[in-house]
Amino acid sequence: MKVTKLVSTCDITDCPTIYATDRGTFLVQGETPTDHGLQIPAHETLVEIPMELLQKAVRDNLI
């Protein structure tokens, strides 16, 4: 899979980030919350990202 960084909240590699893939999908890097109380299937996960990251991606016409 080819991954392209679209937008991040900082210039280093350990910040919330949105990536595009050559599969026509997105990868989202963020914190893994544990206090959500949701029933998530074993093959899925949740990540928490700041609203600022999505706003920046939309403002920059990336998503």
Protein backbone atom coordinates (compact mmCIF):
# COMPACT_ATOMS: atom_id res chain seq x y z
CA MET A 1 0.00 0.00 0.00
CA LYS A 2 1.31 3.45 -0.88
CA VAL A 3 0.60 6.08 1.81
CA THR A 4 0.74 9.85 1.31
CA LYS A 5 0.66 12.32 4.20
CA LEU A 6 -2.11 14.85 3.66
CA VAL A 7 -2.27 16.94 6.81
CA SER A 8 -0.94 16.88 10.35
CA THR A 9 -1.10 18.96 13.50
CA CYS A 10 2.72 19.24 13.60
CA ASP A 11 5.86 18.63 11.55
CA ILE A 12 7.12 15.57 13.43
CA THR A 13 5.88 11.98 13.00
CA ASP A 14 4.03 11.40 16.26
CA CYS A 15 1.11 13.83 15.89
CA PRO A 16 -2.47 13.30 14.71
CA THR A 17 -2.26 12.93 10.93
CA ILE A 18 -4.47 12.04 7.96
CA TYR A 19 -2.96 9.97 5.14
CA ALA A 20 -4.36 8.98 1.74
CA THR A 21 -3.70 5.53 0.31
CA ASP A 22 -3.48 4.24 -3.23
CA ARG A 23 -6.54 2.12 -2.38
CA GLY A 24 -8.80 5.19 -2.33
CA THR A 25 -8.97 5.18 1.48
CA PHE A 26 -7.67 7.28 4.36
CA LEU A 27 -5.53 6.31 7.33
CA VAL A 28 -5.92 8.37 10.50
CA GLN A 29 -3.23 8.59 13.16
CA GLY A 30 -4.36 9.66 16.61
CA GLU A 31 -4.79 8.65 20.23
CA THR A 32 -6.52 5.37 21.08
CA PRO A 33 -9.30 6.27 23.54
CA THR A 34 -10.27 3.76 26.21
CA ASP A 35 -13.09 5.55 28.01
CA HIS A 36 -15.70 5.57 25.19
CA GLY A 37 -17.96 2.77 26.44
CA LEU A 38 -18.67 1.55 22.88
CA GLN A 39 -18.80 -2.05 21.64
CA ILE A 40 -16.16 -2.18 18.89
CA PRO A 41 -15.59 -5.41 16.90
CA ALA A 42 -12.18 -7.01 17.42
CA HIS A 43 -11.18 -6.29 13.80
CA GLU A 44 -11.83 -2.53 14.17
CA THR A 45 -10.44 0.27 16.33
CA LEU A 46 -11.16 3.86 17.23
CA VAL A 47 -8.75 6.77 17.07
CA GLU A 48 -9.37 10.22 18.48
CA ILE A 49 -8.13 13.21 16.51
CA PRO A 50 -8.47 16.92 17.19
CA MET A 51 -11.21 18.81 15.33
CA GLU A 52 -8.44 21.17 14.21
CA LEU A 53 -6.99 18.39 12.04
CA LEU A 54 -10.22 17.88 10.06
CA GLN A 55 -10.78 21.63 9.78
CA LYS A 56 -7.26 22.05 8.38
CA ALA A 57 -7.79 19.23 5.88
CA VAL A 58 -11.07 20.73 4.65
CA ARG A 59 -9.63 24.28 4.55
CA ASP A 60 -6.71 23.00 2.44
CA ASN A 61 -9.12 21.09 0.12
CA LEU A 62 -7.47 17.77 0.99
CA ILE A 63 -10.65 15.88 1.85
